[in-house]
Amino acid sequence: MSTRLTAAAERLFDRHGYMATGMDRLIAVAGMSSRTLYKHAGSKAQLMARVLNERDRRFMARLEVQSVDALFAALEDWVRVEGARGCLFLRSRAETGGETPEIAEAVAIHKAAFHRRIEEVVAVNLGREDPELAEQVLVLLEGATHAAVYRGAEAVSAARAAAAILIERAQT
């Protein structure tokens, strides 16, 4: 039951945002009583943290790749499958001002893991560490995620092309 609740909550939070999604709407969509919802979810912030942790698990699994180009291919696939509404982690942090501990912690954990993964992929791709290039790739990935909201998948393709130029330069 908690998997169903988490999936329903993710759909609502992703589409409508954290603040605009009320517990009544969650109860209706999850098809459970308020008592059952609170038993499984705890607070709305705890439910959002669970949603973010599940999303982190799915997203990071897609990033088990060995090249920067493959990172962008994974993002293109994510946008195609999950939709182009921007980063749920950053949106939920912005909505709460970073002042909801459960959400802020889930976002911080995800973003730190995301950064580490990019550093790892850049190092594998180049055969050496390059923190500056990893930071540039991170900004391209994050920017493409948000630009895809209004530009579509072309934003990810443009960022992918820019990353390829950066990688090529770093290899010479």
Protein backbone atom coordinates (compact mmCIF):
# COMPACT_ATOMS: atom_id res chain seq x y z
CA MET A 1 0.00 0.00 0.00
CA SER A 2 2.79 2.46 0.76
CA THR A 3 4.21 1.92 -2.76
CA ARG A 4 0.84 2.89 -4.24
CA LEU A 5 0.70 5.94 -1.99
CA THR A 6 4.24 7.00 -2.89
CA ALA A 7 3.52 6.65 -6.62
CA ALA A 8 0.27 8.62 -6.33
CA ALA A 9 1.96 11.31 -4.26
CA GLU A 10 4.82 11.58 -6.75
CA ARG A 11 2.41 12.12 -9.63
CA LEU A 12 0.58 14.85 -7.72
CA PHE A 13 3.67 16.60 -6.36
CA ASP A 14 5.34 16.48 -9.76
CA ARG A 15 2.32 17.87 -11.60
CA HIS A 16 0.97 20.38 -9.07
CA GLY A 17 3.85 21.06 -6.70
CA TYR A 18 4.33 20.37 -3.03
CA MET A 19 2.46 23.35 -1.65
CA ALA A 20 -0.55 23.05 -3.98
CA THR A 21 -1.04 19.36 -3.25
CA GLY A 22 -3.26 19.00 -0.23
CA MET A 23 -3.72 15.93 1.89
CA ASP A 24 -7.37 15.69 0.76
CA ARG A 25 -6.24 15.37 -2.84
CA LEU A 26 -3.65 12.75 -1.84
CA ILE A 27 -6.33 10.79 0.03
CA ALA A 28 -8.64 10.85 -3.00
CA VAL A 29 -5.99 9.84 -5.53
CA ALA A 30 -4.45 7.17 -3.29
CA GLY A 31 -7.90 5.74 -2.62
CA MET A 32 -7.43 5.42 1.12
CA SER A 33 -8.83 6.94 4.27
CA SER A 34 -7.10 9.85 5.95
CA ARG A 35 -6.27 7.59 8.89
CA THR A 36 -4.58 5.04 6.61
CA LEU A 37 -2.74 7.76 4.72
CA TYR A 38 -1.32 9.31 7.88
CA LYS A 39 -0.45 5.86 9.22
CA HIS A 40 1.62 5.11 6.10
CA ALA A 41 2.88 8.58 5.27
CA GLY A 42 3.28 10.39 8.55
CA SER A 43 3.31 14.06 7.65
CA LYS A 44 3.10 15.61 4.19
CA ALA A 45 6.80 16.53 4.48
CA GLN A 46 7.68 12.92 5.33
CA LEU A 47 5.67 11.75 2.32
CA MET A 48 7.48 14.22 0.06
CA ALA A 49 10.83 13.00 1.40
CA ARG A 50 9.78 9.41 0.61
CA VAL A 51 8.78 10.51 -2.90
CA LEU A 52 12.14 12.22 -3.39
CA ASN A 53 14.05 9.19 -2.11
CA GLU A 54 12.19 6.91 -4.52
CA ARG A 55 12.76 9.32 -7.39
CA ASP A 56 16.46 9.48 -6.47
CA ARG A 57 16.68 5.70 -6.61
CA ARG A 58 15.11 5.58 -10.09
CA PHE A 59 17.06 8.53 -11.50
CA MET A 60 20.44 7.45 -10.18
CA ALA A 61 19.92 3.93 -11.56
CA ARG A 62 19.70 5.49 -15.03
CA LEU A 63 23.06 7.18 -14.50
CA GLU A 64 24.99 3.92 -14.19
CA VAL A 65 26.87 4.78 -17.39
CA GLN A 66 30.50 5.18 -18.41
CA SER A 67 30.54 8.36 -20.52
CA VAL A 68 29.36 11.94 -20.35
CA ASP A 69 27.47 11.44 -23.60
CA ALA A 70 25.62 8.54 -21.98
CA LEU A 71 24.65 10.82 -19.06
CA PHE A 72 22.88 13.09 -21.52
CA ALA A 73 21.31 10.10 -23.28
CA ALA A 74 19.98 9.00 -19.89
CA LEU A 75 18.57 12.47 -19.26
CA GLU A 76 16.94 12.48 -22.70
CA ASP A 77 15.32 9.14 -21.86
CA TRP A 78 14.25 10.42 -18.41
CA VAL A 79 12.58 13.48 -19.98
CA ARG A 80 10.84 11.28 -22.55
CA VAL A 81 9.55 8.80 -19.94
CA GLU A 82 9.02 10.98 -16.86
CA GLY A 83 8.15 14.27 -18.54
CA ALA A 84 9.77 17.67 -18.78
CA ARG A 85 8.66 19.58 -15.71
CA GLY A 86 12.08 20.43 -14.32
CA CYS A 87 13.85 18.91 -11.37
CA LEU A 88 11.39 17.87 -8.66
CA PHE A 89 14.17 18.09 -6.09
CA LEU A 90 14.95 21.73 -6.83
CA ARG A 91 11.29 22.64 -7.25
CA SER A 92 10.35 21.17 -3.87
CA ARG A 93 13.29 22.88 -2.20
CA ALA A 94 12.33 26.20 -3.77
CA GLU A 95 8.69 25.82 -2.72
CA THR A 96 9.65 25.22 0.89
CA GLY A 97 12.53 27.69 0.97
CA GLY A 98 14.84 24.91 2.12
CA GLU A 99 13.22 25.19 5.55
CA THR A 100 11.44 21.83 5.70
CA PRO A 101 14.10 19.53 7.16
CA GLU A 102 12.86 16.26 5.63
CA ILE A 103 12.73 17.78 2.16
CA ALA A 104 15.96 19.76 2.47
CA GLU A 105 17.80 16.62 3.59
CA ALA A 106 16.43 14.48 0.74
CA VAL A 107 17.40 17.17 -1.78
CA ALA A 108 20.89 17.58 -0.31
CA ILE A 109 21.53 13.84 -0.35
CA HIS A 110 20.35 13.51 -3.95
CA LYS A 111 22.30 16.50 -5.24
CA ALA A 112 25.50 15.36 -3.50
CA ALA A 113 25.13 11.86 -5.01
CA PHE A 114 24.34 13.36 -8.42
CA HIS A 115 27.48 15.51 -8.26
CA ARG A 116 29.63 12.55 -7.19
CA ARG A 117 28.22 10.44 -10.03
CA ILE A 118 29.06 13.12 -12.59
CA GLU A 119 32.60 13.38 -11.20
CA GLU A 120 32.96 9.59 -11.49
CA VAL A 121 31.68 9.50 -15.07
CA VAL A 122 33.93 12.39 -16.13
CA ALA A 123 36.92 10.61 -14.56
CA VAL A 124 36.10 7.35 -16.38
CA ASN A 125 35.47 9.20 -19.64
CA LEU A 126 38.79 11.13 -19.46
CA GLY A 127 40.88 8.57 -17.62
CA ARG A 128 41.57 11.19 -14.94
CA GLU A 129 39.69 13.41 -12.52
CA ASP A 130 38.68 16.88 -13.68
CA PRO A 131 36.53 18.64 -11.05
CA GLU A 132 36.14 21.78 -13.17
CA LEU A 133 34.82 19.82 -16.14
CA ALA A 134 32.53 17.82 -13.84
CA GLU A 135 31.08 21.11 -12.56
CA GLN A 136 30.49 22.29 -16.14
CA VAL A 137 28.75 19.02 -17.02
CA LEU A 138 26.63 19.31 -13.87
CA VAL A 139 25.51 22.81 -14.86
CA LEU A 140 24.72 21.63 -18.40
CA LEU A 141 22.65 18.70 -17.08
CA GLU A 142 20.78 20.84 -14.54
CA GLY A 143 20.20 23.62 -17.06
CA ALA A 144 18.97 21.21 -19.71
CA THR A 145 16.56 19.68 -17.21
CA HIS A 146 14.93 23.03 -16.59
CA ALA A 147 15.16 24.36 -20.14
CA ALA A 148 13.38 21.20 -21.35
CA VAL A 149 10.25 22.52 -19.57
CA TYR A 150 9.76 25.15 -22.25
CA ARG A 151 12.16 24.05 -25.02
CA GLY A 152 11.48 20.32 -25.02
CA ALA A 153 14.05 17.60 -25.58
CA GLU A 154 16.03 19.95 -27.87
CA ALA A 155 17.40 21.57 -24.71
CA VAL A 156 18.97 18.28 -23.66
CA SER A 157 20.33 17.74 -27.17
CA ALA A 158 21.91 21.22 -27.17
CA ALA A 159 23.51 20.59 -23.76
CA ARG A 160 24.72 17.19 -24.96
CA ALA A 161 26.43 18.83 -27.95
CA ALA A 162 28.06 21.44 -25.68
CA ALA A 163 29.29 18.70 -23.33
CA ALA A 164 30.81 16.81 -26.28
CA ILE A 165 32.85 19.91 -27.18
CA LEU A 166 34.03 20.26 -23.57
CA ILE A 167 35.02 16.58 -23.41
CA GLU A 168 36.85 16.79 -26.73
CA ARG A 169 38.83 19.82 -25.54
CA ALA A 170 39.67 18.13 -22.23
CA GLN A 171 41.01 15.08 -24.08
CA THR A 172 43.53 17.05 -26.12
